[in-house]
Amino acid sequence: MTEQFEISFNNMMERLVEWLNTIIVNLPNMIIAILVFGVTFWLAGVTKKLVFRYLTNVFQQKSIRALVANMVALIITASGFLLALGVLNLDTLLKSLLAGAGVAGLAIGLALQGTLSNTFSGISLALKSSFNVGDFVETSNFSGTVEDIALNYTKIRTIDNNTVIIPNKQILENPIKNFSLTKQIRVIIDCGIDYTADLSEVKYLTLEALKLIIPAEDRHTLEFYFVNFGDSAINFQVRYFINGDKNISVLAAKSEGIMCIKRTFDEHGINIPYPTRTIQLGKNNPEAQNITKDIPPNKRNQRRRLNGNRAKSVSKIHKLDSK
């Protein structure tokens, strides 16, 4: 038993001595590897700050700038780590790490497919510059002011002061209407006037009334068209442009235009009719007489008897009430 213990102890000491000799032999390589990794790690931090500062003029989204800067820093750090392994002559370990990284990357990519899709969609939106923070946009049945464009989502503040968070993939796959890309927005007002009104006078009064509220530089965009004969009115449409970059500007301008047109029509006695329907019945109406003639004689007699019975019932009720 004692001899076996001594043999094991001697083997262990021999192994430790071999390790110590290996460490001493490879000590210069280890120092160089540590220095290489330390320098690359420091260089990655400096490069990250420089890239983030440089991208301030390229991307307005802070999250996109941080992503690009972190990716550059990660590439530099990984390169330093691989160089350090090469200095230590750990080629076998290096190959194993690369193979393991490939398998792990595939598994992570499949597991985070939706998240990565939204992330790359956010990067694509940042590169396209379809909209920026502060723009008034309409997308995915929501409209409002863009408050934040993150890697995975976009935050929009709607007109009714609600916050909507939309995945970037959904925004990228749907149409985007950006009101802030242009400085002018078209206002469209639909209205109708009575059939007895003078159409030339209506057009003249409408245009002159709107010129009072439209700036001089935008009056050339004013358009007036009669569009159709409605059930109760002759309908017309007025279109013009205003300076603005939000949908709420259109609502305000349209409201002011409607009030101006209504006030002008009231002053000149022009009627904006309600939906009405005229029904003419009686002996003097030829159409009513034709309808009566078309009824078969037996049906006429039944109708007369029915009306007579109704009259008798009503007279009985009056007699009971008088008693």
Protein backbone atom coordinates (compact mmCIF):
# COMPACT_ATOMS: atom_id res chain seq x y z
CA MET A 1 0.00 0.00 0.00
CA THR A 2 2.78 2.39 0.92
CA GLU A 3 4.71 1.54 -2.22
CA GLN A 4 1.62 2.20 -4.40
CA PHE A 5 1.12 5.59 -2.75
CA GLU A 6 4.75 6.51 -3.35
CA ILE A 7 4.48 5.54 -7.01
CA SER A 8 1.35 7.66 -7.50
CA PHE A 9 2.93 10.59 -5.70
CA ASN A 10 6.07 10.37 -7.85
CA ASN A 11 3.94 10.28 -11.04
CA MET A 12 2.08 13.35 -9.89
CA MET A 13 5.26 15.22 -9.14
CA GLU A 14 6.69 14.29 -12.52
CA ARG A 15 3.56 15.60 -14.21
CA LEU A 16 3.73 18.86 -12.23
CA VAL A 17 7.37 19.25 -13.16
CA GLU A 18 6.51 18.73 -16.82
CA TRP A 19 3.77 21.37 -16.58
CA LEU A 20 6.13 23.77 -14.86
CA ASN A 21 8.73 23.23 -17.55
CA THR A 22 6.07 23.81 -20.22
CA ILE A 23 4.96 27.02 -18.52
CA ILE A 24 8.54 28.26 -18.24
CA VAL A 25 9.26 27.40 -21.86
CA ASN A 26 6.03 29.04 -23.09
CA LEU A 27 6.21 31.98 -20.66
CA PRO A 28 7.40 34.44 -23.34
CA ASN A 29 4.56 33.32 -25.61
CA MET A 30 2.05 33.72 -22.78
CA ILE A 31 3.30 37.22 -22.03
CA ILE A 32 3.10 38.14 -25.69
CA ALA A 33 -0.40 36.64 -25.97
CA ILE A 34 -1.61 38.61 -22.93
CA LEU A 35 -0.10 41.78 -24.34
CA VAL A 36 -1.72 41.16 -27.74
CA PHE A 37 -5.14 40.55 -26.22
CA GLY A 38 -4.79 43.53 -23.86
CA VAL A 39 -3.81 45.87 -26.67
CA THR A 40 -6.64 44.70 -28.92
CA PHE A 41 -9.13 44.99 -26.05
CA TRP A 42 -8.02 48.58 -25.38
CA LEU A 43 -8.09 49.33 -29.11
CA ALA A 44 -11.64 47.94 -29.32
CA GLY A 45 -12.83 50.33 -26.59
CA VAL A 46 -11.22 53.36 -28.24
CA THR A 47 -12.55 52.38 -31.67
CA LYS A 48 -16.04 51.92 -30.24
CA LYS A 49 -16.11 55.50 -28.94
CA LEU A 50 -14.72 56.90 -32.17
CA VAL A 51 -17.20 54.99 -34.33
CA PHE A 52 -20.13 56.02 -32.12
CA ARG A 53 -19.06 59.66 -32.34
CA TYR A 54 -18.56 59.49 -36.11
CA LEU A 55 -21.96 57.88 -36.73
CA THR A 56 -23.72 60.76 -34.98
CA ASN A 57 -23.83 62.56 -38.32
CA VAL A 58 -24.92 59.41 -40.18
CA PHE A 59 -27.64 57.86 -37.97
CA GLN A 60 -29.99 59.81 -35.73
CA GLN A 61 -31.01 56.67 -33.86
CA LYS A 62 -28.81 56.14 -30.82
CA SER A 63 -29.56 52.41 -30.75
CA ILE A 64 -28.29 51.95 -34.32
CA ARG A 65 -25.08 53.85 -33.56
CA ALA A 66 -24.52 51.74 -30.45
CA LEU A 67 -25.14 48.51 -32.41
CA VAL A 68 -22.60 49.37 -35.13
CA ALA A 69 -20.01 50.53 -32.57
CA ASN A 70 -20.46 47.36 -30.49
CA MET A 71 -20.13 45.16 -33.58
CA VAL A 72 -16.85 46.87 -34.55
CA ALA A 73 -15.53 46.49 -31.00
CA LEU A 74 -16.57 42.82 -30.92
CA ILE A 75 -14.77 42.10 -34.20
CA ILE A 76 -11.56 43.73 -32.94
CA THR A 77 -11.74 41.87 -29.59
CA ALA A 78 -12.40 38.52 -31.30
CA SER A 79 -9.46 39.13 -33.64
CA GLY A 80 -7.19 39.82 -30.67
CA PHE A 81 -8.37 36.65 -28.93
CA LEU A 82 -7.65 34.55 -32.03
CA LEU A 83 -4.18 36.12 -32.37
CA ALA A 84 -3.45 35.33 -28.73
CA LEU A 85 -4.40 31.67 -29.28
CA GLY A 86 -2.17 31.58 -32.35
CA VAL A 87 0.79 32.93 -30.35
CA LEU A 88 0.25 30.14 -27.80
CA ASN A 89 0.28 27.54 -30.57
CA LEU A 90 -3.22 26.36 -29.62
CA ASP A 91 -4.29 25.54 -33.14
CA THR A 92 -6.39 22.55 -32.10
CA LEU A 93 -8.29 24.64 -29.53
CA LEU A 94 -8.76 27.36 -32.11
CA LYS A 95 -10.30 24.96 -34.61
CA SER A 96 -12.60 23.56 -31.92
CA LEU A 97 -13.74 27.04 -30.92
CA LEU A 98 -14.48 28.00 -34.52
CA ALA A 99 -16.46 24.80 -35.11
CA GLY A 100 -18.37 25.26 -31.86
CA ALA A 101 -19.09 28.91 -32.72
CA GLY A 102 -20.55 27.86 -36.07
CA VAL A 103 -22.90 25.32 -34.51
CA ALA A 104 -23.87 27.71 -31.69
CA GLY A 105 -24.50 30.51 -34.18
CA LEU A 106 -26.82 28.29 -36.22
CA ALA A 107 -28.78 27.22 -33.13
CA ILE A 108 -29.07 30.80 -31.85
CA GLY A 109 -30.13 32.02 -35.29
CA LEU A 110 -32.98 29.49 -35.47
CA ALA A 111 -34.10 30.19 -31.91
CA LEU A 112 -34.07 33.98 -32.32
CA GLN A 113 -35.36 34.12 -35.88
CA GLY A 114 -38.13 36.64 -35.11
CA THR A 115 -35.91 38.84 -32.95
CA LEU A 116 -33.09 38.86 -35.49
CA SER A 117 -35.58 39.65 -38.26
CA ASN A 118 -36.79 42.70 -36.36
CA THR A 119 -33.19 43.71 -35.61
CA PHE A 120 -32.09 43.59 -39.24
CA SER A 121 -35.32 45.37 -40.19
CA GLY A 122 -34.37 48.16 -37.77
CA ILE A 123 -30.92 48.42 -39.36
CA SER A 124 -32.52 48.51 -42.82
CA LEU A 125 -34.90 51.29 -41.73
CA ALA A 126 -31.95 53.27 -40.38
CA LEU A 127 -30.02 52.87 -43.63
CA LYS A 128 -32.99 53.80 -45.82
CA SER A 129 -33.89 56.86 -43.70
CA SER A 130 -37.58 56.41 -44.53
CA PHE A 131 -38.43 58.36 -41.40
CA ASN A 132 -36.65 59.79 -38.38
CA VAL A 133 -37.47 60.61 -34.78
CA GLY A 134 -39.94 63.50 -34.71
CA ASP A 135 -41.56 62.72 -38.07
CA PHE A 136 -45.32 62.34 -38.37
CA VAL A 137 -45.99 59.01 -40.11
CA GLU A 138 -48.82 56.65 -40.90
CA THR A 139 -48.13 52.91 -41.05
CA SER A 140 -49.82 49.64 -40.07
CA ASN A 141 -53.15 51.49 -39.50
CA PHE A 142 -51.50 53.81 -36.95
CA SER A 143 -50.53 57.45 -37.35
CA GLY A 144 -48.56 59.69 -35.02
CA THR A 145 -45.18 61.17 -34.16
CA VAL A 146 -42.14 58.86 -34.09
CA GLU A 147 -40.59 58.98 -30.62
CA ASP A 148 -37.97 56.24 -30.84
CA ILE A 149 -36.53 53.82 -33.42
CA ALA A 150 -34.94 50.92 -31.57
CA LEU A 151 -33.33 47.80 -32.98
CA ASN A 152 -36.46 45.66 -32.63
CA TYR A 153 -39.34 48.14 -32.58
CA THR A 154 -40.49 51.66 -33.37
CA LYS A 155 -42.40 53.75 -30.83
CA ILE A 156 -45.11 56.09 -32.14
CA ARG A 157 -47.12 58.65 -30.16
CA THR A 158 -50.62 58.87 -31.70
CA ILE A 159 -52.82 61.96 -31.89
CA ASP A 160 -54.90 60.79 -28.91
CA ASN A 161 -51.69 60.61 -26.80
CA ASN A 162 -51.36 56.83 -26.84
CA THR A 163 -48.03 55.06 -27.32
CA VAL A 164 -47.93 52.36 -30.00
CA ILE A 165 -44.96 49.99 -30.25
CA ILE A 166 -44.71 48.38 -33.70
CA PRO A 167 -42.15 45.67 -34.63
CA ASN A 168 -39.70 46.90 -37.23
CA LYS A 169 -40.39 43.90 -39.47
CA GLN A 170 -44.06 44.89 -39.69
CA ILE A 171 -43.13 48.48 -40.58
CA LEU A 172 -40.67 47.35 -43.24
CA GLU A 173 -43.25 45.05 -44.88
CA ASN A 174 -46.08 47.63 -44.92
CA PRO A 175 -46.42 50.98 -46.71
CA ILE A 176 -45.20 54.05 -44.82
CA LYS A 177 -46.77 57.48 -45.31
CA ASN A 178 -44.41 60.16 -44.00
CA PHE A 179 -46.05 63.57 -43.74
CA SER A 180 -42.76 65.18 -42.73
CA LEU A 181 -40.96 64.50 -46.01
CA THR A 182 -42.85 67.33 -47.70
CA LYS A 183 -43.65 70.76 -46.32
CA GLN A 184 -47.10 70.97 -47.94
CA ILE A 185 -50.23 68.87 -47.43
CA ARG A 186 -53.37 68.86 -49.58
CA VAL A 187 -56.72 69.77 -48.00
CA ILE A 188 -59.89 68.33 -49.60
CA ILE A 189 -63.39 69.66 -48.75
CA ASP A 190 -66.55 68.02 -50.12
CA CYS A 191 -69.87 69.87 -50.06
CA GLY A 192 -73.23 70.07 -51.81
CA ILE A 193 -75.60 72.89 -52.78
CA ASP A 194 -79.29 73.07 -53.66
CA TYR A 195 -80.38 72.33 -57.22
CA THR A 196 -81.89 75.83 -57.48
CA ALA A 197 -78.55 77.56 -56.78
CA ASP A 198 -76.55 79.40 -59.42
CA LEU A 199 -73.49 77.19 -59.99
CA SER A 200 -71.30 80.00 -61.31
CA GLU A 201 -72.08 82.09 -58.25
CA VAL A 202 -71.37 79.14 -55.94
CA LYS A 203 -67.96 78.58 -57.52
CA TYR A 204 -67.05 82.27 -57.40
CA LEU A 205 -68.13 82.77 -53.78
CA THR A 206 -66.38 79.58 -52.59
CA LEU A 207 -63.06 80.49 -54.21
CA GLU A 208 -63.18 84.09 -52.98
CA ALA A 209 -64.04 82.97 -49.45
CA LEU A 210 -61.17 80.46 -49.26
CA LYS A 211 -58.67 82.99 -50.62
CA LEU A 212 -59.18 84.95 -47.40
CA ILE A 213 -57.78 82.10 -45.27
CA ILE A 214 -55.19 80.64 -47.66
CA PRO A 215 -51.76 82.34 -47.73
CA ALA A 216 -50.97 84.27 -50.91
CA GLU A 217 -48.17 81.91 -51.93
CA ASP A 218 -50.56 78.91 -51.81
CA ARG A 219 -53.59 80.41 -53.58
CA HIS A 220 -52.44 79.13 -56.96
CA THR A 221 -53.07 75.56 -55.70
CA LEU A 222 -56.79 76.27 -55.11
CA GLU A 223 -59.03 74.05 -57.27
CA PHE A 224 -62.84 73.83 -57.55
CA TYR A 225 -64.81 71.06 -59.30
CA PHE A 226 -68.46 70.04 -59.48
CA VAL A 227 -68.26 66.26 -59.15
CA ASN A 228 -71.77 64.76 -59.48
CA PHE A 229 -75.54 65.12 -59.19
CA GLY A 230 -76.45 63.79 -55.76
CA ASP A 231 -79.84 62.63 -54.44
CA SER A 232 -80.52 65.98 -52.75
CA ALA A 233 -77.73 68.28 -53.95
CA ILE A 234 -75.17 69.05 -56.61
CA ASN A 235 -71.89 68.03 -55.02
CA PHE A 236 -68.60 69.84 -55.47
CA GLN A 237 -65.04 69.44 -54.20
CA VAL A 238 -62.45 72.06 -53.25
CA ARG A 239 -58.72 71.21 -53.06
CA TYR A 240 -55.73 73.26 -52.02
CA PHE A 241 -52.33 72.92 -50.33
CA ILE A 242 -51.21 74.27 -46.96
CA ASN A 243 -47.86 74.43 -45.24
CA GLY A 244 -47.63 71.62 -42.69
CA ASP A 245 -46.01 68.29 -41.91
CA LYS A 246 -48.63 66.66 -39.69
CA ASN A 247 -52.05 65.16 -40.31
CA ILE A 248 -53.52 67.37 -37.58
CA SER A 249 -52.66 70.38 -39.76
CA VAL A 250 -55.03 69.05 -42.41
CA LEU A 251 -57.85 68.69 -39.89
CA ALA A 252 -57.38 72.24 -38.62
CA ALA A 253 -57.26 73.71 -42.14
CA LYS A 254 -60.28 71.67 -43.25
CA SER A 255 -62.28 72.80 -40.22
CA GLU A 256 -61.47 76.44 -40.91
CA GLY A 257 -62.37 76.03 -44.59
CA ILE A 258 -65.75 74.44 -43.79
CA MET A 259 -66.64 77.28 -41.42
CA CYS A 260 -65.63 79.85 -44.02
CA ILE A 261 -67.74 78.24 -46.78
CA LYS A 262 -70.77 77.83 -44.50
CA ARG A 263 -70.58 81.48 -43.37
CA THR A 264 -70.32 82.71 -46.97
CA PHE A 265 -73.27 80.59 -48.13
CA ASP A 266 -75.42 81.83 -45.24
CA GLU A 267 -74.64 85.47 -46.11
CA HIS A 268 -75.69 85.01 -49.76
CA GLY A 269 -78.71 82.76 -49.17
CA ILE A 270 -77.22 79.62 -50.71
CA ASN A 271 -78.77 76.49 -49.22
CA ILE A 272 -76.83 73.35 -48.27
CA PRO A 273 -79.76 70.88 -48.36
CA TYR A 274 -80.52 68.04 -46.03
CA PRO A 275 -81.07 64.58 -47.54
CA THR A 276 -84.74 64.74 -48.62
CA ARG A 277 -87.22 62.61 -50.59
CA THR A 278 -90.35 63.96 -52.27
CA ILE A 279 -93.42 61.62 -52.57
CA GLN A 280 -96.44 62.84 -54.58
CA LEU A 281 -99.79 61.09 -54.02
CA GLY A 282 -103.35 62.11 -54.95
CA LYS A 283 -105.97 62.26 -57.68
CA ASN A 284 -104.14 64.95 -59.57
CA ASN A 285 -100.98 62.83 -59.81
CA PRO A 286 -101.01 60.88 -63.11
CA GLU A 287 -98.57 58.33 -61.75
CA ALA A 288 -100.82 57.65 -58.78
CA GLN A 289 -103.83 57.25 -61.09
CA ASN A 290 -101.90 54.82 -63.27
CA ILE A 291 -100.91 52.81 -60.22
CA THR A 292 -104.61 52.68 -59.16
CA LYS A 293 -105.72 51.58 -62.61
CA ASP A 294 -103.21 48.76 -62.61
CA ILE A 295 -104.75 47.22 -59.48
CA PRO A 296 -107.21 44.37 -60.34
CA PRO A 297 -110.93 45.00 -59.56
CA ASN A 298 -111.15 42.27 -56.90
CA LYS A 299 -108.17 43.79 -55.07
CA ARG A 300 -109.82 47.22 -55.21
CA ASN A 301 -113.02 45.85 -53.62
CA GLN A 302 -111.04 44.13 -50.87
CA ARG A 303 -109.22 47.39 -50.15
CA ARG A 304 -112.48 49.36 -50.04
CA ARG A 305 -114.09 46.85 -47.63
CA LEU A 306 -110.97 46.96 -45.44
CA ASN A 307 -111.06 50.75 -45.33
CA GLY A 308 -114.80 50.66 -44.52
CA ASN A 309 -114.28 48.23 -41.63
CA ARG A 310 -111.52 50.47 -40.26
CA ALA A 311 -113.82 53.50 -40.40
CA LYS A 312 -116.60 51.59 -38.52
CA SER A 313 -114.13 50.49 -35.83
CA VAL A 314 -112.97 54.05 -35.34
CA SER A 315 -116.58 55.37 -35.04
CA LYS A 316 -117.37 52.71 -32.39
CA ILE A 317 -114.34 53.72 -30.38
CA HIS A 318 -115.46 57.38 -30.49
CA LYS A 319 -118.95 56.44 -29.28
CA LEU A 320 -117.55 54.46 -26.33
CA ASP A 321 -115.33 57.36 -25.42
CA SER A 322 -118.27 59.78 -25.50
CA LYS A 323 -120.27 57.55 -23.10
